[in-house]
Full PDB file with SEQRES, HELIX, SHEET, SSBOND, CRYST1, ORIGX, SCALE, CONECT and MASTER records, all heavy atoms in Angstrom:
SEQRES   1 A   38  SER LYS CYS GLY ALA ALA CYS VAL ASP LEU LYS LYS ASP          
SEQRES   2 A   38  PRO THR ASN CYS GLY LYS CYS GLY THR ILE CYS GLY ASP          
SEQRES   3 A   38  ASP ALA GLY ALA ILE LEU GLY GLY GLY THR TRP GLU              
SHEET    1 AA1 2 LYS A   2  CYS A   3  0                                        
SHEET    2 AA1 2 ALA A   6  CYS A   7 -1                                        
SSBOND   1 CYS A    3    CYS A   20                          1555   1555  1.92  
CRYST1    1.000    1.000    1.000  90.00  90.00  90.00 P 1           1          
ORIGX1      1.000000  0.000000  0.000000        0.00000                         
ORIGX2      0.000000  1.000000  0.000000        0.00000                         
ORIGX3      0.000000  0.000000  1.000000        0.00000                         
SCALE1      1.000000  0.000000  0.000000        0.00000                         
SCALE2      0.000000  1.000000  0.000000        0.00000                         
SCALE3      0.000000  0.000000  1.000000        0.00000                         
ATOM      1  N   SER A   1      -9.828  22.765 -23.299  1.00  0.00           N  
ATOM      2  CA  SER A   1      -9.344  23.811 -22.394  1.00  0.00           C  
ATOM      3  C   SER A   1      -9.846  23.484 -21.004  1.00  0.00           C  
ATOM      4  O   SER A   1     -10.884  22.837 -20.832  1.00  0.00           O  
ATOM      5  CB  SER A   1      -9.888  25.175 -22.821  1.00  0.00           C  
ATOM      6  OG  SER A   1      -9.447  25.508 -24.115  1.00  0.00           O  
ATOM      7  N   LYS A   2      -9.137  23.979 -19.995  1.00  0.00           N  
ATOM      8  CA  LYS A   2      -9.527  23.727 -18.615  1.00  0.00           C  
ATOM      9  C   LYS A   2     -10.459  24.846 -18.159  1.00  0.00           C  
ATOM     10  O   LYS A   2     -10.137  26.007 -18.199  1.00  0.00           O  
ATOM     11  CB  LYS A   2      -8.287  23.673 -17.726  1.00  0.00           C  
ATOM     12  CG  LYS A   2      -8.566  23.175 -16.341  1.00  0.00           C  
ATOM     13  CD  LYS A   2      -7.349  22.403 -15.852  1.00  0.00           C  
ATOM     14  CE  LYS A   2      -7.571  21.954 -14.443  1.00  0.00           C  
ATOM     15  NZ  LYS A   2      -7.939  20.588 -14.349  1.00  0.00           N  
ATOM     16  N   CYS A   3     -11.666  24.467 -17.746  1.00  0.00           N  
ATOM     17  CA  CYS A   3     -12.640  25.386 -17.172  1.00  0.00           C  
ATOM     18  C   CYS A   3     -12.972  24.835 -15.791  1.00  0.00           C  
ATOM     19  O   CYS A   3     -13.663  23.817 -15.686  1.00  0.00           O  
ATOM     20  CB  CYS A   3     -13.902  25.474 -18.031  1.00  0.00           C  
ATOM     21  SG  CYS A   3     -13.675  26.324 -19.608  1.00  0.00           S  
ATOM     22  N   GLY A   4     -12.485  25.477 -14.750  1.00  0.00           N  
ATOM     23  CA  GLY A   4     -12.631  24.948 -13.391  1.00  0.00           C  
ATOM     24  C   GLY A   4     -11.870  23.648 -13.305  1.00  0.00           C  
ATOM     25  O   GLY A   4     -10.698  23.575 -13.674  1.00  0.00           O  
ATOM     26  N   ALA A   5     -12.551  22.594 -12.884  1.00  0.00           N  
ATOM     27  CA  ALA A   5     -11.904  21.294 -12.764  1.00  0.00           C  
ATOM     28  C   ALA A   5     -12.107  20.427 -14.004  1.00  0.00           C  
ATOM     29  O   ALA A   5     -11.590  19.322 -14.079  1.00  0.00           O  
ATOM     30  CB  ALA A   5     -12.452  20.563 -11.533  1.00  0.00           C  
ATOM     31  N   ALA A   6     -12.867  20.908 -14.981  1.00  0.00           N  
ATOM     32  CA  ALA A   6     -13.202  20.088 -16.148  1.00  0.00           C  
ATOM     33  C   ALA A   6     -12.411  20.498 -17.383  1.00  0.00           C  
ATOM     34  O   ALA A   6     -12.054  21.659 -17.569  1.00  0.00           O  
ATOM     35  CB  ALA A   6     -14.690  20.212 -16.443  1.00  0.00           C  
ATOM     36  N   CYS A   7     -12.158  19.512 -18.238  1.00  0.00           N  
ATOM     37  CA  CYS A   7     -11.569  19.759 -19.552  1.00  0.00           C  
ATOM     38  C   CYS A   7     -12.725  19.782 -20.554  1.00  0.00           C  
ATOM     39  O   CYS A   7     -13.534  18.854 -20.605  1.00  0.00           O  
ATOM     40  CB  CYS A   7     -10.584  18.649 -19.908  1.00  0.00           C  
ATOM     41  SG  CYS A   7      -9.081  18.679 -18.918  1.00  0.00           S  
ATOM     42  N   VAL A   8     -12.844  20.869 -21.315  1.00  0.00           N  
ATOM     43  CA  VAL A   8     -13.957  21.033 -22.248  1.00  0.00           C  
ATOM     44  C   VAL A   8     -13.455  21.494 -23.609  1.00  0.00           C  
ATOM     45  O   VAL A   8     -12.374  22.051 -23.727  1.00  0.00           O  
ATOM     46  CB  VAL A   8     -15.001  22.043 -21.710  1.00  0.00           C  
ATOM     47  CG1 VAL A   8     -15.607  21.568 -20.411  1.00  0.00           C  
ATOM     48  CG2 VAL A   8     -14.403  23.418 -21.549  1.00  0.00           C  
ATOM     49  N   ASP A   9     -14.267  21.262 -24.607  1.00  0.00           N  
ATOM     50  CA  ASP A   9     -13.989  21.751 -25.958  1.00  0.00           C  
ATOM     51  C   ASP A   9     -14.756  23.063 -26.108  1.00  0.00           C  
ATOM     52  O   ASP A   9     -15.985  23.065 -26.247  1.00  0.00           O  
ATOM     53  CB  ASP A   9     -14.439  20.731 -26.997  1.00  0.00           C  
ATOM     54  CG  ASP A   9     -14.089  21.133 -28.428  1.00  0.00           C  
ATOM     55  OD1 ASP A   9     -13.783  22.323 -28.672  1.00  0.00           O  
ATOM     56  OD2 ASP A   9     -14.137  20.257 -29.307  1.00  0.00           O  
ATOM     57  N   LEU A  10     -14.075  24.181 -26.069  1.00  0.00           N  
ATOM     58  CA  LEU A  10     -14.713  25.503 -26.139  1.00  0.00           C  
ATOM     59  C   LEU A  10     -15.423  25.753 -27.471  1.00  0.00           C  
ATOM     60  O   LEU A  10     -16.225  26.679 -27.588  1.00  0.00           O  
ATOM     61  CB  LEU A  10     -13.687  26.607 -25.876  1.00  0.00           C  
ATOM     62  CG  LEU A  10     -13.053  26.623 -24.483  1.00  0.00           C  
ATOM     63  CD1 LEU A  10     -11.978  27.709 -24.405  1.00  0.00           C  
ATOM     64  CD2 LEU A  10     -14.108  26.836 -23.418  1.00  0.00           C  
ATOM     65  N   LYS A  11     -15.143  24.929 -28.474  1.00  0.00           N  
ATOM     66  CA  LYS A  11     -15.810  25.078 -29.769  1.00  0.00           C  
ATOM     67  C   LYS A  11     -17.165  24.381 -29.802  1.00  0.00           C  
ATOM     68  O   LYS A  11     -17.974  24.649 -30.675  1.00  0.00           O  
ATOM     69  CB  LYS A  11     -14.930  24.526 -30.886  1.00  0.00           C  
ATOM     70  CG  LYS A  11     -13.696  25.358 -31.134  1.00  0.00           C  
ATOM     71  CD  LYS A  11     -12.893  24.794 -32.277  1.00  0.00           C  
ATOM     72  CE  LYS A  11     -11.665  25.663 -32.521  1.00  0.00           C  
ATOM     73  NZ  LYS A  11     -10.874  25.175 -33.647  1.00  0.00           N  
ATOM     74  N   LYS A  12     -17.452  23.462 -28.833  1.00  0.00           N  
ATOM     75  CA  LYS A  12     -18.682  22.673 -28.868  1.00  0.00           C  
ATOM     76  C   LYS A  12     -19.481  22.691 -27.576  1.00  0.00           C  
ATOM     77  O   LYS A  12     -20.660  22.376 -27.587  1.00  0.00           O  
ATOM     78  CB  LYS A  12     -18.348  21.209 -29.184  1.00  0.00           C  
ATOM     79  CG  LYS A  12     -17.755  20.967 -30.538  1.00  0.00           C  
ATOM     80  CD  LYS A  12     -17.466  19.485 -30.726  1.00  0.00           C  
ATOM     81  CE  LYS A  12     -16.803  19.220 -32.054  1.00  0.00           C  
ATOM     82  NZ  LYS A  12     -16.470  17.788 -32.207  1.00  0.00           N  
ATOM     83  N   ASP A  13     -18.888  23.049 -26.447  1.00  0.00           N  
ATOM     84  CA  ASP A  13     -19.548  22.931 -25.145  1.00  0.00           C  
ATOM     85  C   ASP A  13     -20.536  24.080 -24.924  1.00  0.00           C  
ATOM     86  O   ASP A  13     -20.137  25.241 -24.821  1.00  0.00           O  
ATOM     87  CB  ASP A  13     -18.499  22.928 -24.036  1.00  0.00           C  
ATOM     88  CG  ASP A  13     -19.083  22.649 -22.659  1.00  0.00           C  
ATOM     89  OD1 ASP A  13     -20.298  22.811 -22.474  1.00  0.00           O  
ATOM     90  OD2 ASP A  13     -18.304  22.270 -21.769  1.00  0.00           O  
ATOM     91  N   PRO A  14     -21.860  23.798 -24.852  1.00  0.00           N  
ATOM     92  CA  PRO A  14     -22.849  24.872 -24.698  1.00  0.00           C  
ATOM     93  C   PRO A  14     -22.822  25.556 -23.329  1.00  0.00           C  
ATOM     94  O   PRO A  14     -23.447  26.602 -23.156  1.00  0.00           O  
ATOM     95  CB  PRO A  14     -24.186  24.158 -24.925  1.00  0.00           C  
ATOM     96  CG  PRO A  14     -23.924  22.729 -24.633  1.00  0.00           C  
ATOM     97  CD  PRO A  14     -22.482  22.480 -24.958  1.00  0.00           C  
ATOM     98  N   THR A  15     -22.083  25.018 -22.366  1.00  0.00           N  
ATOM     99  CA  THR A  15     -21.954  25.681 -21.064  1.00  0.00           C  
ATOM    100  C   THR A  15     -20.626  26.420 -20.933  1.00  0.00           C  
ATOM    101  O   THR A  15     -20.407  27.121 -19.955  1.00  0.00           O  
ATOM    102  CB  THR A  15     -22.116  24.668 -19.911  1.00  0.00           C  
ATOM    103  OG1 THR A  15     -21.131  23.651 -20.051  1.00  0.00           O  
ATOM    104  CG2 THR A  15     -23.506  24.056 -19.927  1.00  0.00           C  
ATOM    105  N   ASN A  16     -19.776  26.266 -21.908  1.00  0.00           N  
ATOM    106  CA  ASN A  16     -18.489  26.968 -21.977  1.00  0.00           C  
ATOM    107  C   ASN A  16     -18.185  27.217 -23.452  1.00  0.00           C  
ATOM    108  O   ASN A  16     -17.257  26.658 -24.014  1.00  0.00           O  
ATOM    109  CB  ASN A  16     -17.377  26.120 -21.338  1.00  0.00           C  
ATOM    110  CG  ASN A  16     -17.609  25.877 -19.865  1.00  0.00           C  
ATOM    111  OD1 ASN A  16     -17.453  26.780 -19.051  1.00  0.00           O  
ATOM    112  ND2 ASN A  16     -18.013  24.671 -19.524  1.00  0.00           N  
ATOM    113  N   CYS A  17     -18.967  28.056 -24.082  1.00  0.00           N  
ATOM    114  CA  CYS A  17     -18.883  28.256 -25.528  1.00  0.00           C  
ATOM    115  C   CYS A  17     -17.978  29.438 -25.869  1.00  0.00           C  
ATOM    116  O   CYS A  17     -18.303  30.593 -25.575  1.00  0.00           O  
ATOM    117  CB  CYS A  17     -20.277  28.472 -26.106  1.00  0.00           C  
ATOM    118  SG  CYS A  17     -20.324  28.476 -27.912  1.00  0.00           S  
ATOM    119  N   GLY A  18     -16.851  29.136 -26.456  1.00  0.00           N  
ATOM    120  CA  GLY A  18     -15.905  30.183 -26.833  1.00  0.00           C  
ATOM    121  C   GLY A  18     -14.952  30.542 -25.712  1.00  0.00           C  
ATOM    122  O   GLY A  18     -13.783  30.792 -25.940  1.00  0.00           O  
ATOM    123  N   LYS A  19     -15.464  30.569 -24.468  1.00  0.00           N  
ATOM    124  CA  LYS A  19     -14.643  30.804 -23.287  1.00  0.00           C  
ATOM    125  C   LYS A  19     -15.358  30.204 -22.078  1.00  0.00           C  
ATOM    126  O   LYS A  19     -16.568  29.956 -22.103  1.00  0.00           O  
ATOM    127  CB  LYS A  19     -14.351  32.290 -23.087  1.00  0.00           C  
ATOM    128  CG  LYS A  19     -15.547  33.147 -22.785  1.00  0.00           C  
ATOM    129  CD  LYS A  19     -15.145  34.605 -22.608  1.00  0.00           C  
ATOM    130  CE  LYS A  19     -16.375  35.424 -22.225  1.00  0.00           C  
ATOM    131  NZ  LYS A  19     -16.028  36.785 -21.929  1.00  0.00           N  
ATOM    132  N   CYS A  20     -14.639  29.964 -21.049  1.00  0.00           N  
ATOM    133  CA  CYS A  20     -15.193  29.359 -19.839  1.00  0.00           C  
ATOM    134  C   CYS A  20     -16.328  30.211 -19.277  1.00  0.00           C  
ATOM    135  O   CYS A  20     -16.224  31.435 -19.205  1.00  0.00           O  
ATOM    136  CB  CYS A  20     -14.102  29.192 -18.777  1.00  0.00           C  
ATOM    137  SG  CYS A  20     -12.825  28.011 -19.243  1.00  0.00           S  
ATOM    138  N   GLY A  21     -17.449  29.559 -18.946  1.00  0.00           N  
ATOM    139  CA  GLY A  21     -18.578  30.237 -18.315  1.00  0.00           C  
ATOM    140  C   GLY A  21     -19.599  30.832 -19.262  1.00  0.00           C  
ATOM    141  O   GLY A  21     -20.654  31.282 -18.822  1.00  0.00           O  
ATOM    142  N   THR A  22     -19.329  30.852 -20.569  1.00  0.00           N  
ATOM    143  CA  THR A  22     -20.310  31.373 -21.523  1.00  0.00           C  
ATOM    144  C   THR A  22     -21.321  30.272 -21.810  1.00  0.00           C  
ATOM    145  O   THR A  22     -21.011  29.262 -22.425  1.00  0.00           O  
ATOM    146  CB  THR A  22     -19.639  31.839 -22.830  1.00  0.00           C  
ATOM    147  OG1 THR A  22     -18.729  32.883 -22.528  1.00  0.00           O  
ATOM    148  CG2 THR A  22     -20.679  32.339 -23.823  1.00  0.00           C  
ATOM    149  N   ILE A  23     -22.582  30.497 -21.365  1.00  0.00           N  
ATOM    150  CA  ILE A  23     -23.633  29.496 -21.502  1.00  0.00           C  
ATOM    151  C   ILE A  23     -24.563  29.914 -22.642  1.00  0.00           C  
ATOM    152  O   ILE A  23     -25.122  31.009 -22.632  1.00  0.00           O  
ATOM    153  CB  ILE A  23     -24.428  29.355 -20.186  1.00  0.00           C  
ATOM    154  CG1 ILE A  23     -23.481  28.931 -19.055  1.00  0.00           C  
ATOM    155  CG2 ILE A  23     -25.573  28.378 -20.347  1.00  0.00           C  
ATOM    156  CD1 ILE A  23     -24.122  28.964 -17.678  1.00  0.00           C  
ATOM    157  N   CYS A  24     -24.724  29.027 -23.609  1.00  0.00           N  
ATOM    158  CA  CYS A  24     -25.618  29.303 -24.740  1.00  0.00           C  
ATOM    159  C   CYS A  24     -27.062  29.231 -24.277  1.00  0.00           C  
ATOM    160  O   CYS A  24     -27.485  28.258 -23.676  1.00  0.00           O  
ATOM    161  CB  CYS A  24     -25.388  28.293 -25.857  1.00  0.00           C  
ATOM    162  SG  CYS A  24     -23.773  28.430 -26.631  1.00  0.00           S  
ATOM    163  N   GLY A  25     -27.813  30.283 -24.564  1.00  0.00           N  
ATOM    164  CA  GLY A  25     -29.230  30.312 -24.246  1.00  0.00           C  
ATOM    165  C   GLY A  25     -29.535  30.555 -22.788  1.00  0.00           C  
ATOM    166  O   GLY A  25     -30.668  30.428 -22.375  1.00  0.00           O  
ATOM    167  N   ASP A  26     -28.559  30.934 -22.001  1.00  0.00           N  
ATOM    168  CA  ASP A  26     -28.749  31.121 -20.565  1.00  0.00           C  
ATOM    169  C   ASP A  26     -29.866  32.109 -20.251  1.00  0.00           C  
ATOM    170  O   ASP A  26     -30.699  31.854 -19.398  1.00  0.00           O  
ATOM    171  CB  ASP A  26     -27.431  31.602 -19.932  1.00  0.00           C  
ATOM    172  CG  ASP A  26     -27.540  31.757 -18.432  1.00  0.00           C  
ATOM    173  OD1 ASP A  26     -28.202  30.920 -17.805  1.00  0.00           O  
ATOM    174  OD2 ASP A  26     -26.958  32.718 -17.902  1.00  0.00           O  
ATOM    175  N   ASP A  27     -29.950  33.216 -20.985  1.00  0.00           N  
ATOM    176  CA  ASP A  27     -30.963  34.226 -20.685  1.00  0.00           C  
ATOM    177  C   ASP A  27     -32.105  34.234 -21.708  1.00  0.00           C  
ATOM    178  O   ASP A  27     -33.028  35.013 -21.596  1.00  0.00           O  
ATOM    179  CB  ASP A  27     -30.334  35.617 -20.614  1.00  0.00           C  
ATOM    180  CG  ASP A  27     -29.684  36.030 -21.918  1.00  0.00           C  
ATOM    181  OD1 ASP A  27     -29.520  35.173 -22.804  1.00  0.00           O  
ATOM    182  OD2 ASP A  27     -29.337  37.210 -22.047  1.00  0.00           O  
ATOM    183  N   ALA A  28     -32.071  33.346 -22.675  1.00  0.00           N  
ATOM    184  CA  ALA A  28     -33.066  33.387 -23.738  1.00  0.00           C  
ATOM    185  C   ALA A  28     -34.297  32.531 -23.466  1.00  0.00           C  
ATOM    186  O   ALA A  28     -35.354  32.792 -24.007  1.00  0.00           O  
ATOM    187  CB  ALA A  28     -32.436  32.947 -25.059  1.00  0.00           C  
ATOM    188  N   GLY A  29     -34.191  31.525 -22.641  1.00  0.00           N  
ATOM    189  CA  GLY A  29     -35.340  30.657 -22.380  1.00  0.00           C  
ATOM    190  C   GLY A  29     -35.707  29.840 -23.598  1.00  0.00           C  
ATOM    191  O   GLY A  29     -34.868  29.518 -24.428  1.00  0.00           O  
ATOM    192  N   ALA A  30     -36.983  29.502 -23.730  1.00  0.00           N  
ATOM    193  CA  ALA A  30     -37.452  28.684 -24.845  1.00  0.00           C  
ATOM    194  C   ALA A  30     -37.390  29.477 -26.150  1.00  0.00           C  
ATOM    195  O   ALA A  30     -37.596  30.680 -26.169  1.00  0.00           O  
ATOM    196  CB  ALA A  30     -38.875  28.231 -24.583  1.00  0.00           C  
ATOM    197  N   ILE A  31     -37.121  28.788 -27.223  1.00  0.00           N  
ATOM    198  CA  ILE A  31     -37.034  29.419 -28.536  1.00  0.00           C  
ATOM    199  C   ILE A  31     -38.359  29.211 -29.258  1.00  0.00           C  
ATOM    200  O   ILE A  31     -38.817  28.081 -29.423  1.00  0.00           O  
ATOM    201  CB  ILE A  31     -35.869  28.827 -29.355  1.00  0.00           C  
ATOM    202  CG1 ILE A  31     -34.554  29.096 -28.629  1.00  0.00           C  
ATOM    203  CG2 ILE A  31     -35.855  29.400 -30.762  1.00  0.00           C  
ATOM    204  CD1 ILE A  31     -33.392  28.327 -29.179  1.00  0.00           C  
ATOM    205  N   LEU A  32     -38.982  30.298 -29.677  1.00  0.00           N  
ATOM    206  CA  LEU A  32     -40.238  30.234 -30.408  1.00  0.00           C  
ATOM    207  C   LEU A  32     -40.019  29.453 -31.695  1.00  0.00           C  
ATOM    208  O   LEU A  32     -39.097  29.727 -32.439  1.00  0.00           O  
ATOM    209  CB  LEU A  32     -40.724  31.654 -30.722  1.00  0.00           C  
ATOM    210  CG  LEU A  32     -42.087  31.787 -31.366  1.00  0.00           C  
ATOM    211  CD1 LEU A  32     -43.171  31.280 -30.419  1.00  0.00           C  
ATOM    212  CD2 LEU A  32     -42.360  33.223 -31.725  1.00  0.00           C  
ATOM    213  N   GLY A  33     -40.861  28.475 -31.947  1.00  0.00           N  
ATOM    214  CA  GLY A  33     -40.745  27.686 -33.167  1.00  0.00           C  
ATOM    215  C   GLY A  33     -39.995  26.392 -32.980  1.00  0.00           C  
ATOM    216  O   GLY A  33     -39.776  25.653 -33.925  1.00  0.00           O  
ATOM    217  N   GLY A  34     -39.552  26.098 -31.741  1.00  0.00           N  
ATOM    218  CA  GLY A  34     -38.983  24.790 -31.447  1.00  0.00           C  
ATOM    219  C   GLY A  34     -37.494  24.612 -31.653  1.00  0.00           C  
ATOM    220  O   GLY A  34     -37.029  23.489 -31.720  1.00  0.00           O  
ATOM    221  N   GLY A  35     -36.712  25.650 -31.760  1.00  0.00           N  
ATOM    222  CA  GLY A  35     -35.277  25.509 -31.940  1.00  0.00           C  
ATOM    223  C   GLY A  35     -34.551  25.215 -30.641  1.00  0.00           C  
ATOM    224  O   GLY A  35     -35.138  25.208 -29.566  1.00  0.00           O  
ATOM    225  N   THR A  36     -33.254  24.965 -30.760  1.00  0.00           N  
ATOM    226  CA  THR A  36     -32.394  24.713 -29.601  1.00  0.00           C  
ATOM    227  C   THR A  36     -31.141  25.559 -29.712  1.00  0.00           C  
ATOM    228  O   THR A  36     -30.725  25.943 -30.801  1.00  0.00           O  
ATOM    229  CB  THR A  36     -31.985  23.226 -29.513  1.00  0.00           C  
ATOM    230  OG1 THR A  36     -31.300  22.863 -30.717  1.00  0.00           O  
ATOM    231  CG2 THR A  36     -33.184  22.322 -29.314  1.00  0.00           C  
ATOM    232  N   TRP A  37     -30.562  25.847 -28.541  1.00  0.00           N  
ATOM    233  CA  TRP A  37     -29.278  26.545 -28.509  1.00  0.00           C  
ATOM    234  C   TRP A  37     -28.166  25.520 -28.610  1.00  0.00           C  
ATOM    235  O   TRP A  37     -28.222  24.477 -27.974  1.00  0.00           O  
ATOM    236  CB  TRP A  37     -29.113  27.326 -27.210  1.00  0.00           C  
ATOM    237  CG  TRP A  37     -29.863  28.618 -27.185  1.00  0.00           C  
ATOM    238  CD1 TRP A  37     -31.060  28.852 -26.594  1.00  0.00           C  
ATOM    239  CD2 TRP A  37     -29.455  29.844 -27.780  1.00  0.00           C  
ATOM    240  NE1 TRP A  37     -31.444  30.147 -26.786  1.00  0.00           N  
ATOM    241  CE2 TRP A  37     -30.467  30.793 -27.507  1.00  0.00           C  
ATOM    242  CE3 TRP A  37     -28.349  30.249 -28.514  1.00  0.00           C  
ATOM    243  CZ2 TRP A  37     -30.395  32.101 -27.943  1.00  0.00           C  
ATOM    244  CZ3 TRP A  37     -28.285  31.555 -28.940  1.00  0.00           C  
ATOM    245  CH2 TRP A  37     -29.297  32.467 -28.658  1.00  0.00           C  
ATOM    246  N   GLU A  38     -27.131  25.810 -29.412  1.00  0.00           N  
ATOM    247  CA  GLU A  38     -25.963  24.950 -29.525  1.00  0.00           C  
ATOM    248  C   GLU A  38     -24.723  25.823 -29.614  1.00  0.00           C  
ATOM    249  O   GLU A  38     -24.798  27.002 -29.928  1.00  0.00           O  
ATOM    250  CB  GLU A  38     -26.061  24.054 -30.761  1.00  0.00           C  
ATOM    251  CG  GLU A  38     -27.161  23.023 -30.662  1.00  0.00           C  
ATOM    252  CD  GLU A  38     -27.167  22.033 -31.814  1.00  0.00           C  
ATOM    253  OE1 GLU A  38     -26.191  22.008 -32.599  1.00  0.00           O  
ATOM    254  OE2 GLU A  38     -28.146  21.283 -31.925  1.00  0.00           O  
TER     255      GLU A  38                                                      
CONECT   21  137                                                                
CONECT  137   21                                                                
MASTER        0    0    0    0    2    0    0    6  254    1    2    3          
END                                                                             
């Protein structure tokens, strides 16, 4: 899908997850226990 000037996969892109501009972990910071946002 087109998000701004870039073509992204909304199913996998952590900065455009599900829809353009949805950033995974944007407000969560570090995850206790060593996990990652995907």
